[in-house]
Amino acid sequence: MAIVDSRIVGQSRSTKIFYAIVRGLVVGLCRSLLRLRVVGLENVPKTGAFVFAPTHRSTIDIPVVSAATRRRMRFMGKDSIWKFKLIGKAMTGLGAFPVTRGSADLEALKRCIAVLQSGEPLVMFPEGTRHYGPEVQPLFDGAAYVALKTGVPIVPAGISGTEDVMRSGSKAIRFKKCRMVIGKPIAAEVPGGGRASREQIAQLTVTLQVEMQKLLNEANQLIR
């Protein structure tokens, strides 16, 4: 599949309308049922691409993240979803783009880069899978890599309360209050416009982890 696949980049007028409607409903439900409050909305860029990097404690984090901006944010989804045409179209409209499950990480990263180069924001959970507790786990370096590769900032965020809304292995949803705290953008530029070294990627990843921990602490404090 070519990187320029329409499911990966670009969005039509109808897609924008569909996303706006669904997002409005989702955010409305989060604010009313989960008493979601977001701090730091002013830190989210109004234009241009960026990597949105929140902590990850529950599947509920995905709809919660949509409250960060009215702009459509993109995220990875299993390519098998797109085998069903209508479902695939809906997922594309909601911001997902296909990544082959079990494929090399490089393929997924290339698709993330294509999204950012198209000018859209991209959601990446640097912790990888869901984790629990108040400590941010060691991060994967994918977010730092694609940010440095494209020169876009990383916007860190801490989300608290979602692990009590839907726990791992459970389909039940409990209406607990949630908070999301968004931090200031972290610049991701290579001096001189050259290629990022492993050391630069590692350093940016450490910086990101420190900021995510601060924001998660703030979000947890707001819950208490």
N, C-alpha and C. Protein backbone atom coordinates (compact mmCIF):
# COMPACT_ATOMS: atom_id res chain seq x y z
N MET A 1 0.85 -1.20 0.00
CA MET A 1 0.00 0.00 0.00
C MET A 1 0.88 1.23 0.00
N ALA A 2 0.58 2.16 -0.86
CA ALA A 2 1.41 3.36 -0.98
C ALA A 2 1.15 4.30 0.18
N ILE A 3 2.18 5.01 0.53
CA ILE A 3 2.09 5.95 1.66
C ILE A 3 1.09 7.06 1.38
N VAL A 4 0.82 7.34 0.10
CA VAL A 4 -0.09 8.43 -0.23
C VAL A 4 -1.53 7.97 -0.31
N ASP A 5 -1.82 6.75 0.13
CA ASP A 5 -3.18 6.23 0.17
C ASP A 5 -4.10 7.26 0.81
N SER A 6 -5.28 7.47 0.20
CA SER A 6 -6.21 8.49 0.69
C SER A 6 -6.71 8.22 2.10
N ARG A 7 -6.56 6.97 2.56
CA ARG A 7 -6.97 6.65 3.92
C ARG A 7 -5.96 7.18 4.93
N ILE A 8 -4.78 7.53 4.46
CA ILE A 8 -3.72 7.98 5.35
C ILE A 8 -3.62 9.50 5.37
N VAL A 9 -3.74 10.13 4.23
CA VAL A 9 -3.62 11.59 4.19
C VAL A 9 -4.85 12.19 3.51
N GLY A 10 -5.06 13.48 3.81
CA GLY A 10 -6.14 14.23 3.17
C GLY A 10 -7.49 13.98 3.81
N GLN A 11 -8.38 14.95 3.65
CA GLN A 11 -9.74 14.80 4.15
C GLN A 11 -10.66 15.68 3.34
N SER A 12 -11.81 15.12 2.99
CA SER A 12 -12.78 15.84 2.19
C SER A 12 -13.68 16.69 3.09
N ARG A 13 -14.50 17.53 2.47
CA ARG A 13 -15.43 18.37 3.22
C ARG A 13 -16.41 17.51 4.01
N SER A 14 -16.91 16.43 3.37
CA SER A 14 -17.85 15.55 4.05
C SER A 14 -17.20 14.87 5.25
N THR A 15 -15.92 14.54 5.13
CA THR A 15 -15.19 13.92 6.24
C THR A 15 -15.08 14.88 7.40
N LYS A 16 -14.78 16.14 7.11
CA LYS A 16 -14.66 17.15 8.16
C LYS A 16 -15.99 17.33 8.90
N ILE A 17 -17.09 17.36 8.13
CA ILE A 17 -18.41 17.52 8.75
C ILE A 17 -18.73 16.31 9.63
N PHE A 18 -18.45 15.11 9.11
CA PHE A 18 -18.71 13.88 9.87
C PHE A 18 -17.92 13.87 11.17
N TYR A 19 -16.65 14.24 11.08
CA TYR A 19 -15.81 14.25 12.28
C TYR A 19 -16.33 15.27 13.29
N ALA A 20 -16.69 16.45 12.82
CA ALA A 20 -17.16 17.51 13.72
C ALA A 20 -18.40 17.07 14.48
N ILE A 21 -19.32 16.39 13.79
CA ILE A 21 -20.55 15.94 14.42
C ILE A 21 -20.26 14.87 15.47
N VAL A 22 -19.48 13.85 15.07
CA VAL A 22 -19.19 12.76 15.99
C VAL A 22 -18.37 13.25 17.17
N ARG A 23 -17.37 14.10 16.90
CA ARG A 23 -16.55 14.64 17.98
C ARG A 23 -17.42 15.41 18.98
N GLY A 24 -18.32 16.23 18.47
CA GLY A 24 -19.19 17.00 19.34
C GLY A 24 -19.99 16.10 20.28
N LEU A 25 -20.51 15.01 19.74
CA LEU A 25 -21.27 14.07 20.56
C LEU A 25 -20.39 13.39 21.60
N VAL A 26 -19.20 12.94 21.15
CA VAL A 26 -18.29 12.23 22.05
C VAL A 26 -17.81 13.13 23.18
N VAL A 27 -17.39 14.33 22.84
CA VAL A 27 -16.90 15.26 23.86
C VAL A 27 -18.03 15.65 24.81
N GLY A 28 -19.23 15.83 24.27
CA GLY A 28 -20.37 16.15 25.11
C GLY A 28 -20.66 15.06 26.13
N LEU A 29 -20.57 13.81 25.69
CA LEU A 29 -20.79 12.68 26.59
C LEU A 29 -19.68 12.61 27.65
N CYS A 30 -18.44 12.85 27.23
CA CYS A 30 -17.32 12.82 28.17
C CYS A 30 -17.48 13.91 29.24
N ARG A 31 -17.90 15.08 28.82
CA ARG A 31 -18.04 16.19 29.76
C ARG A 31 -19.21 15.98 30.72
N SER A 32 -20.27 15.35 30.23
CA SER A 32 -21.44 15.17 31.09
C SER A 32 -21.36 13.90 31.94
N LEU A 33 -20.99 12.78 31.34
CA LEU A 33 -20.98 11.51 32.06
C LEU A 33 -19.71 11.28 32.87
N LEU A 34 -18.57 11.75 32.33
CA LEU A 34 -17.30 11.55 33.02
C LEU A 34 -16.84 12.82 33.72
N ARG A 35 -17.64 13.86 33.64
CA ARG A 35 -17.29 15.16 34.24
C ARG A 35 -15.87 15.59 33.82
N LEU A 36 -15.58 15.34 32.55
CA LEU A 36 -14.25 15.65 32.01
C LEU A 36 -13.98 17.15 32.04
N ARG A 37 -12.81 17.51 32.54
CA ARG A 37 -12.34 18.89 32.50
C ARG A 37 -10.94 18.87 31.91
N VAL A 38 -10.68 19.84 31.06
CA VAL A 38 -9.39 19.90 30.39
C VAL A 38 -8.68 21.20 30.77
N VAL A 39 -7.44 21.08 31.19
CA VAL A 39 -6.61 22.23 31.55
C VAL A 39 -5.49 22.37 30.53
N GLY A 40 -5.25 23.58 30.06
CA GLY A 40 -4.14 23.81 29.14
C GLY A 40 -4.51 23.78 27.67
N LEU A 41 -5.77 24.01 27.35
CA LEU A 41 -6.20 24.01 25.95
C LEU A 41 -5.43 25.04 25.12
N GLU A 42 -4.99 26.10 25.77
CA GLU A 42 -4.26 27.15 25.05
C GLU A 42 -2.91 26.67 24.54
N ASN A 43 -2.45 25.53 25.03
CA ASN A 43 -1.15 24.99 24.59
C ASN A 43 -1.23 24.18 23.30
N VAL A 44 -2.43 23.93 22.83
CA VAL A 44 -2.60 23.13 21.60
C VAL A 44 -2.52 24.04 20.39
N PRO A 45 -1.60 23.78 19.45
CA PRO A 45 -1.46 24.63 18.26
C PRO A 45 -2.76 24.71 17.47
N LYS A 46 -3.09 25.91 17.01
CA LYS A 46 -4.31 26.12 16.23
C LYS A 46 -4.13 25.71 14.77
N THR A 47 -2.88 25.74 14.30
CA THR A 47 -2.60 25.36 12.92
C THR A 47 -1.34 24.49 12.89
N GLY A 48 -1.15 23.82 11.78
CA GLY A 48 0.06 23.03 11.59
C GLY A 48 0.00 21.68 12.29
N ALA A 49 0.92 20.82 11.89
CA ALA A 49 0.99 19.48 12.45
C ALA A 49 1.70 19.48 13.79
N PHE A 50 1.36 18.51 14.62
CA PHE A 50 2.07 18.29 15.87
C PHE A 50 1.78 16.87 16.33
N VAL A 51 2.59 16.36 17.24
CA VAL A 51 2.35 15.05 17.83
C VAL A 51 1.73 15.27 19.20
N PHE A 52 0.55 14.73 19.42
CA PHE A 52 -0.10 14.81 20.72
C PHE A 52 0.25 13.54 21.48
N ALA A 53 0.92 13.70 22.63
CA ALA A 53 1.48 12.56 23.37
C ALA A 53 0.91 12.48 24.78
N PRO A 54 -0.21 11.79 24.97
CA PRO A 54 -0.80 11.66 26.30
C PRO A 54 -0.38 10.38 27.01
N THR A 55 -0.58 10.35 28.31
CA THR A 55 -0.40 9.12 29.06
C THR A 55 -1.53 8.16 28.67
N HIS A 56 -1.35 6.87 28.97
CA HIS A 56 -2.32 5.88 28.50
C HIS A 56 -2.67 4.91 29.62
N ARG A 57 -3.91 5.02 30.13
CA ARG A 57 -4.36 4.17 31.22
C ARG A 57 -5.61 3.38 30.89
N SER A 58 -6.28 3.71 29.76
CA SER A 58 -7.54 3.05 29.44
C SER A 58 -7.91 3.28 27.98
N THR A 59 -8.76 2.41 27.45
CA THR A 59 -9.30 2.60 26.10
C THR A 59 -10.06 3.92 26.03
N ILE A 60 -10.61 4.36 27.15
CA ILE A 60 -11.38 5.60 27.20
C ILE A 60 -10.51 6.81 26.88
N ASP A 61 -9.18 6.67 26.97
CA ASP A 61 -8.29 7.78 26.66
C ASP A 61 -8.51 8.29 25.24
N ILE A 62 -8.87 7.40 24.32
CA ILE A 62 -9.02 7.79 22.91
C ILE A 62 -10.14 8.82 22.73
N PRO A 63 -11.36 8.58 23.22
CA PRO A 63 -12.37 9.64 23.10
C PRO A 63 -12.05 10.87 23.94
N VAL A 64 -11.41 10.68 25.08
CA VAL A 64 -11.05 11.83 25.93
C VAL A 64 -10.10 12.76 25.21
N VAL A 65 -9.15 12.20 24.48
CA VAL A 65 -8.16 12.99 23.74
C VAL A 65 -8.82 13.94 22.75
N SER A 66 -9.96 13.54 22.19
CA SER A 66 -10.62 14.39 21.18
C SER A 66 -11.08 15.72 21.75
N ALA A 67 -11.12 15.83 23.08
CA ALA A 67 -11.51 17.09 23.70
C ALA A 67 -10.40 18.13 23.68
N ALA A 68 -9.21 17.73 23.25
CA ALA A 68 -8.06 18.65 23.25
C ALA A 68 -8.15 19.72 22.17
N THR A 69 -8.83 19.42 21.08
CA THR A 69 -8.92 20.36 19.97
C THR A 69 -10.08 19.99 19.06
N ARG A 70 -10.64 21.00 18.39
CA ARG A 70 -11.70 20.74 17.42
C ARG A 70 -11.12 20.18 16.12
N ARG A 71 -9.82 20.32 15.95
CA ARG A 71 -9.17 19.81 14.74
C ARG A 71 -9.18 18.28 14.76
N ARG A 72 -9.27 17.67 13.59
CA ARG A 72 -9.21 16.21 13.52
C ARG A 72 -7.80 15.75 13.82
N MET A 73 -7.68 14.89 14.82
CA MET A 73 -6.38 14.30 15.13
C MET A 73 -6.37 12.85 14.64
N ARG A 74 -5.23 12.43 14.13
CA ARG A 74 -5.11 11.11 13.51
C ARG A 74 -4.48 10.11 14.48
N PHE A 75 -4.82 8.84 14.30
CA PHE A 75 -4.24 7.78 15.12
C PHE A 75 -4.22 6.48 14.33
N MET A 76 -3.38 5.56 14.74
CA MET A 76 -3.22 4.29 14.03
C MET A 76 -4.33 3.31 14.36
N GLY A 77 -4.71 2.51 13.35
CA GLY A 77 -5.70 1.45 13.54
C GLY A 77 -5.29 0.20 12.77
N LYS A 78 -5.77 -0.94 13.19
CA LYS A 78 -5.46 -2.19 12.51
C LYS A 78 -6.03 -2.18 11.10
N ASP A 79 -5.22 -2.55 10.10
CA ASP A 79 -5.67 -2.45 8.72
C ASP A 79 -6.84 -3.38 8.39
N SER A 80 -7.04 -4.41 9.22
CA SER A 80 -8.14 -5.35 8.98
C SER A 80 -9.50 -4.65 9.05
N ILE A 81 -9.56 -3.53 9.79
CA ILE A 81 -10.81 -2.78 9.91
C ILE A 81 -11.27 -2.28 8.55
N TRP A 82 -10.31 -1.93 7.68
CA TRP A 82 -10.62 -1.35 6.38
C TRP A 82 -11.08 -2.38 5.36
N LYS A 83 -11.14 -3.66 5.75
CA LYS A 83 -11.67 -4.69 4.86
C LYS A 83 -13.18 -4.53 4.71
N PHE A 84 -13.79 -3.88 5.70
CA PHE A 84 -15.22 -3.60 5.67
C PHE A 84 -15.40 -2.15 5.24
N LYS A 85 -15.87 -1.95 4.03
CA LYS A 85 -15.83 -0.64 3.39
C LYS A 85 -16.47 0.47 4.22
N LEU A 86 -17.69 0.26 4.70
CA LEU A 86 -18.38 1.31 5.43
C LEU A 86 -17.70 1.61 6.76
N ILE A 87 -17.28 0.55 7.45
CA ILE A 87 -16.58 0.75 8.73
C ILE A 87 -15.26 1.47 8.49
N GLY A 88 -14.57 1.06 7.43
CA GLY A 88 -13.29 1.69 7.10
C GLY A 88 -13.45 3.17 6.81
N LYS A 89 -14.50 3.53 6.07
CA LYS A 89 -14.74 4.94 5.77
C LYS A 89 -15.04 5.72 7.04
N ALA A 90 -15.82 5.11 7.92
CA ALA A 90 -16.14 5.77 9.18
C ALA A 90 -14.89 5.99 10.02
N MET A 91 -14.03 4.97 10.08
CA MET A 91 -12.80 5.08 10.86
C MET A 91 -11.88 6.15 10.28
N THR A 92 -11.80 6.21 8.96
CA THR A 92 -10.99 7.25 8.33
C THR A 92 -11.53 8.62 8.68
N GLY A 93 -12.85 8.75 8.64
CA GLY A 93 -13.47 10.01 8.98
C GLY A 93 -13.20 10.43 10.41
N LEU A 94 -13.06 9.43 11.29
CA LEU A 94 -12.81 9.72 12.70
C LEU A 94 -11.33 9.93 13.01
N GLY A 95 -10.49 9.80 11.97
CA GLY A 95 -9.07 10.12 12.15
C GLY A 95 -8.13 8.93 12.11
N ALA A 96 -8.66 7.72 12.05
CA ALA A 96 -7.78 6.55 12.04
C ALA A 96 -7.17 6.34 10.66
N PHE A 97 -6.01 5.73 10.63
CA PHE A 97 -5.39 5.31 9.37
C PHE A 97 -4.80 3.93 9.56
N PRO A 98 -4.78 3.11 8.50
CA PRO A 98 -4.43 1.69 8.66
C PRO A 98 -2.94 1.41 8.79
N VAL A 99 -2.63 0.52 9.71
CA VAL A 99 -1.28 0.01 9.88
C VAL A 99 -1.37 -1.51 9.99
N THR A 100 -0.53 -2.20 9.26
CA THR A 100 -0.57 -3.66 9.25
C THR A 100 -0.12 -4.22 10.58
N ARG A 101 -0.97 -5.02 11.19
CA ARG A 101 -0.64 -5.61 12.49
C ARG A 101 0.50 -6.61 12.30
N GLY A 102 1.50 -6.49 13.14
CA GLY A 102 2.64 -7.40 13.06
C GLY A 102 3.69 -6.96 12.06
N SER A 103 3.47 -5.80 11.42
CA SER A 103 4.45 -5.31 10.46
C SER A 103 5.60 -4.65 11.21
N ALA A 104 6.66 -4.37 10.48
CA ALA A 104 7.82 -3.72 11.10
C ALA A 104 7.43 -2.33 11.59
N ASP A 105 8.03 -1.92 12.69
CA ASP A 105 7.73 -0.60 13.25
C ASP A 105 8.00 0.50 12.24
N LEU A 106 8.98 0.29 11.37
CA LEU A 106 9.35 1.32 10.40
C LEU A 106 8.19 1.66 9.48
N GLU A 107 7.39 0.66 9.10
CA GLU A 107 6.24 0.92 8.23
C GLU A 107 5.24 1.84 8.93
N ALA A 108 4.96 1.54 10.19
CA ALA A 108 4.01 2.37 10.95
C ALA A 108 4.55 3.79 11.10
N LEU A 109 5.84 3.92 11.37
CA LEU A 109 6.43 5.24 11.54
C LEU A 109 6.38 6.04 10.24
N LYS A 110 6.57 5.37 9.11
CA LYS A 110 6.50 6.05 7.82
C LYS A 110 5.10 6.61 7.59
N ARG A 111 4.11 5.87 8.01
CA ARG A 111 2.74 6.34 7.83
C ARG A 111 2.43 7.50 8.78
N CYS A 112 3.00 7.45 9.96
CA CYS A 112 2.85 8.57 10.90
C CYS A 112 3.49 9.83 10.32
N ILE A 113 4.65 9.67 9.73
CA ILE A 113 5.35 10.79 9.11
C ILE A 113 4.51 11.37 7.96
N ALA A 114 3.87 10.49 7.16
CA ALA A 114 3.04 10.95 6.06
C ALA A 114 1.87 11.80 6.56
N VAL A 115 1.27 11.40 7.68
CA VAL A 115 0.17 12.16 8.27
C VAL A 115 0.65 13.54 8.69
N LEU A 116 1.79 13.60 9.38
CA LEU A 116 2.33 14.88 9.84
C LEU A 116 2.71 15.77 8.66
N GLN A 117 3.25 15.18 7.62
CA GLN A 117 3.63 15.96 6.45
C GLN A 117 2.42 16.51 5.71
N SER A 118 1.25 15.88 5.94
CA SER A 118 0.02 16.39 5.32
C SER A 118 -0.55 17.57 6.10
N GLY A 119 0.06 17.86 7.27
CA GLY A 119 -0.35 19.02 8.06
C GLY A 119 -1.33 18.74 9.18
N GLU A 120 -1.63 17.45 9.42
CA GLU A 120 -2.59 17.11 10.46
C GLU A 120 -1.92 16.69 11.76
N PRO A 121 -2.58 16.92 12.89
CA PRO A 121 -2.06 16.46 14.18
C PRO A 121 -2.14 14.93 14.28
N LEU A 122 -1.23 14.36 15.02
CA LEU A 122 -1.16 12.90 15.17
C LEU A 122 -1.12 12.55 16.65
N VAL A 123 -1.96 11.61 17.07
CA VAL A 123 -1.95 11.11 18.44
C VAL A 123 -1.06 9.87 18.52
N MET A 124 -0.10 9.92 19.44
CA MET A 124 0.74 8.75 19.71
C MET A 124 0.81 8.58 21.22
N PHE A 125 0.60 7.36 21.70
CA PHE A 125 0.73 7.07 23.12
C PHE A 125 2.14 6.53 23.35
N PRO A 126 3.06 7.37 23.82
CA PRO A 126 4.47 6.96 23.92
C PRO A 126 4.72 5.79 24.87
N GLU A 127 3.81 5.56 25.82
CA GLU A 127 3.98 4.42 26.72
C GLU A 127 3.67 3.10 26.02
N GLY A 128 3.10 3.18 24.81
CA GLY A 128 2.76 1.97 24.08
C GLY A 128 1.40 1.47 24.52
N THR A 129 1.37 0.32 25.14
CA THR A 129 0.13 -0.25 25.62
C THR A 129 -0.33 0.45 26.89
N ARG A 130 -1.52 0.08 27.37
CA ARG A 130 -2.05 0.69 28.59
C ARG A 130 -1.25 0.26 29.82
N HIS A 131 -1.06 1.21 30.72
CA HIS A 131 -0.38 0.93 31.98
C HIS A 131 -1.26 1.47 33.11
N TYR A 132 -0.90 1.11 34.33
CA TYR A 132 -1.71 1.52 35.47
C TYR A 132 -0.85 2.14 36.55
N GLY A 133 -1.46 2.97 37.35
CA GLY A 133 -0.73 3.60 38.43
C GLY A 133 -0.27 5.00 38.09
N PRO A 134 0.33 5.69 39.07
CA PRO A 134 0.70 7.10 38.93
C PRO A 134 2.04 7.37 38.25
N GLU A 135 2.77 6.32 37.90
CA GLU A 135 4.09 6.51 37.30
C GLU A 135 4.05 6.32 35.79
N VAL A 136 4.59 7.27 35.06
CA VAL A 136 4.72 7.13 33.61
C VAL A 136 5.81 6.10 33.32
N GLN A 137 5.47 5.10 32.54
CA GLN A 137 6.40 4.03 32.23
C GLN A 137 7.42 4.48 31.18
N PRO A 138 8.58 3.80 31.09
CA PRO A 138 9.57 4.15 30.07
C PRO A 138 8.93 4.22 28.69
N LEU A 139 9.24 5.28 27.97
CA LEU A 139 8.58 5.54 26.69
C LEU A 139 9.28 4.86 25.52
N PHE A 140 8.47 4.50 24.52
CA PHE A 140 9.04 4.14 23.23
C PHE A 140 9.48 5.44 22.56
N ASP A 141 10.43 5.36 21.65
CA ASP A 141 10.98 6.59 21.06
C ASP A 141 10.32 6.99 19.74
N GLY A 142 9.20 6.33 19.39
CA GLY A 142 8.54 6.64 18.12
C GLY A 142 8.06 8.07 18.02
N ALA A 143 7.49 8.60 19.10
CA ALA A 143 6.98 9.98 19.06
C ALA A 143 8.12 10.96 18.82
N ALA A 144 9.23 10.77 19.53
CA ALA A 144 10.39 11.65 19.35
C ALA A 144 10.96 11.51 17.94
N TYR A 145 10.99 10.29 17.44
CA TYR A 145 11.55 10.04 16.11
C TYR A 145 10.77 10.77 15.02
N VAL A 146 9.43 10.60 15.00
CA VAL A 146 8.64 11.21 13.93
C VAL A 146 8.60 12.73 14.08
N ALA A 147 8.65 13.22 15.32
CA ALA A 147 8.65 14.67 15.54
C ALA A 147 9.95 15.28 15.00
N LEU A 148 11.07 14.67 15.32
CA LEU A 148 12.35 15.16 14.82
C LEU A 148 12.47 14.99 13.31
N LYS A 149 11.91 13.93 12.80
CA LYS A 149 11.98 13.67 11.36
C LYS A 149 11.21 14.74 10.57
N THR A 150 10.11 15.22 11.13
CA THR A 150 9.27 16.19 10.42
C THR A 150 9.42 17.62 10.95
N GLY A 151 10.10 17.77 12.10
CA GLY A 151 10.29 19.10 12.65
C GLY A 151 9.07 19.69 13.33
N VAL A 152 8.11 18.84 13.72
CA VAL A 152 6.90 19.34 14.38
C VAL A 152 7.05 19.21 15.89
N PRO A 153 6.34 20.03 16.66
CA PRO A 153 6.43 19.95 18.13
C PRO A 153 5.66 18.75 18.69
N ILE A 154 6.02 18.39 19.90
CA ILE A 154 5.27 17.36 20.64
C ILE A 154 4.50 18.07 21.74
N VAL A 155 3.20 17.78 21.82
CA VAL A 155 2.37 18.35 22.87
C VAL A 155 2.06 17.25 23.88
N PRO A 156 2.67 17.30 25.08
CA PRO A 156 2.45 16.25 26.08
C PRO A 156 1.15 16.47 26.85
N ALA A 157 0.62 15.39 27.40
CA ALA A 157 -0.60 15.51 28.21
C ALA A 157 -0.66 14.40 29.24
N GLY A 158 -1.29 14.69 30.35
CA GLY A 158 -1.53 13.70 31.39
C GLY A 158 -3.03 13.51 31.55
N ILE A 159 -3.48 12.27 31.53
CA ILE A 159 -4.92 11.96 31.67
C ILE A 159 -5.12 11.14 32.93
N SER A 160 -6.03 11.58 33.78
CA SER A 160 -6.29 10.89 35.04
C SER A 160 -7.76 10.52 35.16
N GLY A 161 -8.03 9.37 35.76
CA GLY A 161 -9.39 8.95 36.02
C GLY A 161 -9.92 7.90 35.07
N THR A 162 -9.33 7.80 33.88
CA THR A 162 -9.88 6.88 32.87
C THR A 162 -9.72 5.41 33.25
N GLU A 163 -8.68 5.08 34.02
CA GLU A 163 -8.50 3.67 34.39
C GLU A 163 -9.59 3.21 35.35
N ASP A 164 -10.25 4.15 36.01
CA ASP A 164 -11.38 3.80 36.87
C ASP A 164 -12.69 3.76 36.09
N VAL A 165 -12.69 4.36 34.89
CA VAL A 165 -13.89 4.34 34.05
C VAL A 165 -14.03 2.99 33.35
N MET A 166 -12.94 2.51 32.76
CA MET A 166 -12.95 1.20 32.10
C MET A 166 -11.64 0.49 32.39
N ARG A 167 -11.69 -0.55 33.16
CA ARG A 167 -10.50 -1.28 33.53
C ARG A 167 -10.15 -2.32 32.49
N SER A 168 -8.89 -2.75 32.48
CA SER A 168 -8.41 -3.73 31.53
C SER A 168 -9.21 -5.03 31.64
N GLY A 169 -9.65 -5.54 30.48
CA GLY A 169 -10.39 -6.79 30.45
C GLY A 169 -11.87 -6.64 30.75
N SER A 170 -12.31 -5.43 31.07
CA SER A 170 -13.71 -5.20 31.38
C SER A 170 -14.38 -4.38 30.28
N LYS A 171 -15.63 -4.73 29.98
CA LYS A 171 -16.40 -3.97 29.01
C LYS A 171 -17.34 -2.99 29.70
N ALA A 172 -17.39 -3.07 31.01
CA ALA A 172 -18.27 -2.19 31.78
C ALA A 172 -17.66 -0.80 31.90
N ILE A 173 -18.51 0.20 31.78
CA ILE A 173 -18.08 1.59 31.94
C ILE A 173 -18.68 2.15 33.22
N ARG A 174 -17.81 2.69 34.05
CA ARG A 174 -18.25 3.33 35.30
C ARG A 174 -18.04 4.84 35.14
N PHE A 175 -19.02 5.59 35.54
CA PHE A 175 -18.98 7.03 35.31
C PHE A 175 -18.22 7.73 36.42
N LYS A 176 -16.90 7.71 36.28
CA LYS A 176 -16.00 8.38 37.21
C LYS A 176 -15.48 9.66 36.57
N LYS A 177 -15.11 10.63 37.39
CA LYS A 177 -14.63 11.89 36.83
C LYS A 177 -13.23 11.75 36.27
N CYS A 178 -12.98 12.49 35.20
CA CYS A 178 -11.69 12.45 34.50
C CYS A 178 -11.15 13.86 34.31
N ARG A 179 -9.82 13.94 34.27
CA ARG A 179 -9.15 15.21 34.03
C ARG A 179 -8.03 15.00 33.02
N MET A 180 -7.84 15.99 32.15
CA MET A 180 -6.71 15.97 31.21
C MET A 180 -5.98 17.30 31.33
N VAL A 181 -4.67 17.24 31.55
CA VAL A 181 -3.85 18.44 31.63
C VAL A 181 -2.88 18.43 30.46
N ILE A 182 -2.91 19.49 29.67
CA ILE A 182 -2.08 19.58 28.46
C ILE A 182 -0.93 20.53 28.71
N GLY A 183 0.28 20.09 28.38
CA GLY A 183 1.46 20.90 28.59
C GLY A 183 1.85 21.75 27.39
N LYS A 184 2.84 22.56 27.57
CA LYS A 184 3.34 23.40 26.49
C LYS A 184 4.06 22.55 25.45
N PRO A 185 3.99 22.94 24.18
CA PRO A 185 4.65 22.18 23.12
C PRO A 185 6.16 22.08 23.36
N ILE A 186 6.70 20.92 23.05
CA ILE A 186 8.14 20.69 23.15
C ILE A 186 8.71 20.74 21.75
N ALA A 187 9.63 21.67 21.50
CA ALA A 187 10.22 21.81 20.17
C ALA A 187 11.00 20.55 19.81
N ALA A 188 10.92 20.18 18.54
CA ALA A 188 11.63 18.99 18.06
C ALA A 188 12.29 19.32 16.72
N GLU A 189 13.38 20.02 16.82
CA GLU A 189 14.11 20.42 15.61
C GLU A 189 15.57 20.04 15.73
N VAL A 190 16.11 19.56 14.63
CA VAL A 190 17.53 19.20 14.59
C VAL A 190 18.31 20.43 14.14
N PRO A 191 19.28 20.90 14.94
CA PRO A 191 20.08 22.06 14.54
C PRO A 191 20.68 21.88 13.16
N GLY A 192 20.50 22.90 12.32
CA GLY A 192 21.05 22.83 10.97
C GLY A 192 20.19 22.04 10.00
N GLY A 193 19.08 21.50 10.50
CA GLY A 193 18.18 20.77 9.62
C GLY A 193 18.70 19.41 9.19
N GLY A 194 19.68 18.89 9.91
CA GLY A 194 20.24 17.59 9.55
C GLY A 194 19.40 16.43 10.05
N ARG A 195 20.00 15.25 10.01
CA ARG A 195 19.33 14.03 10.45
C ARG A 195 19.50 13.86 11.95
N ALA A 196 18.42 13.49 12.64
CA ALA A 196 18.48 13.32 14.09
C ALA A 196 19.32 12.09 14.45
N SER A 197 20.17 12.25 15.44
CA SER A 197 20.99 11.14 15.91
C SER A 197 20.20 10.33 16.94
N ARG A 198 20.69 9.15 17.25
CA ARG A 198 20.04 8.33 18.27
C ARG A 198 20.06 9.03 19.62
N GLU A 199 21.15 9.75 19.88
CA GLU A 199 21.26 10.48 21.13
C GLU A 199 20.21 11.58 21.23
N GLN A 200 19.96 12.29 20.13
CA GLN A 200 18.96 13.36 20.13
C GLN A 200 17.55 12.79 20.33
N ILE A 201 17.28 11.66 19.68
CA ILE A 201 15.98 11.00 19.84
C ILE A 201 15.80 10.54 21.29
N ALA A 202 16.85 9.96 21.85
CA ALA A 202 16.80 9.47 23.24
C ALA A 202 16.60 10.63 24.21
N GLN A 203 17.30 11.74 23.98
CA GLN A 203 17.18 12.90 24.87
C GLN A 203 15.79 13.51 24.82
N LEU A 204 15.22 13.60 23.62
CA LEU A 204 13.87 14.14 23.49
C LEU A 204 12.86 13.22 24.17
N THR A 205 13.10 11.92 24.08
CA THR A 205 12.21 10.96 24.74
C THR A 205 12.26 11.13 26.25
N VAL A 206 13.45 11.35 26.80
CA VAL A 206 13.59 11.59 28.24
C VAL A 206 12.86 12.87 28.64
N THR A 207 13.05 13.92 27.87
CA THR A 207 12.38 15.20 28.14
C THR A 207 10.87 15.03 28.13
N LEU A 208 10.38 14.28 27.14
CA LEU A 208 8.95 14.03 27.03
C LEU A 208 8.42 13.27 28.24
N GLN A 209 9.16 12.26 28.69
CA GLN A 209 8.72 11.48 29.85
C GLN A 209 8.63 12.34 31.11
N VAL A 210 9.61 13.20 31.29
CA VAL A 210 9.60 14.09 32.45
C VAL A 210 8.36 15.00 32.43
N GLU A 211 8.06 15.56 31.26
CA GLU A 211 6.90 16.45 31.14
C GLU A 211 5.60 15.69 31.33
N MET A 212 5.51 14.49 30.76
CA MET A 212 4.29 13.69 30.91
C MET A 212 4.05 13.33 32.38
N GLN A 213 5.13 13.06 33.11
CA GLN A 213 4.98 12.73 34.52
C GLN A 213 4.46 13.93 35.30
N LYS A 214 4.99 15.12 35.01
CA LYS A 214 4.51 16.33 35.68
C LYS A 214 3.01 16.54 35.42
N LEU A 215 2.61 16.33 34.17
CA LEU A 215 1.22 16.56 33.80
C LEU A 215 0.29 15.50 34.39
N LEU A 216 0.76 14.25 34.45
CA LEU A 216 -0.04 13.21 35.08
C LEU A 216 -0.21 13.49 36.57
N ASN A 217 0.86 13.97 37.19
CA ASN A 217 0.77 14.34 38.62
C ASN A 217 -0.28 15.44 38.83
N GLU A 218 -0.27 16.43 37.93
CA GLU A 218 -1.25 17.52 38.04
C GLU A 218 -2.66 17.00 37.86
N ALA A 219 -2.85 16.12 36.85
CA ALA A 219 -4.17 15.57 36.59
C ALA A 219 -4.66 14.74 37.77
N ASN A 220 -3.76 13.94 38.36
CA ASN A 220 -4.13 13.14 39.53
C ASN A 220 -4.51 14.02 40.71
N GLN A 221 -3.80 15.13 40.86
CA GLN A 221 -4.09 16.06 41.95
C GLN A 221 -5.48 16.69 41.76
N LEU A 222 -5.82 16.97 40.51
CA LEU A 222 -7.13 17.56 40.24
C LEU A 222 -8.26 16.57 40.54
N ILE A 223 -7.99 15.29 40.31
CA ILE A 223 -8.99 14.25 40.62
C ILE A 223 -9.22 14.21 42.13
N ARG A 224 -8.14 14.31 42.89
CA ARG A 224 -8.25 14.23 44.35
C ARG A 224 -8.88 15.49 44.94
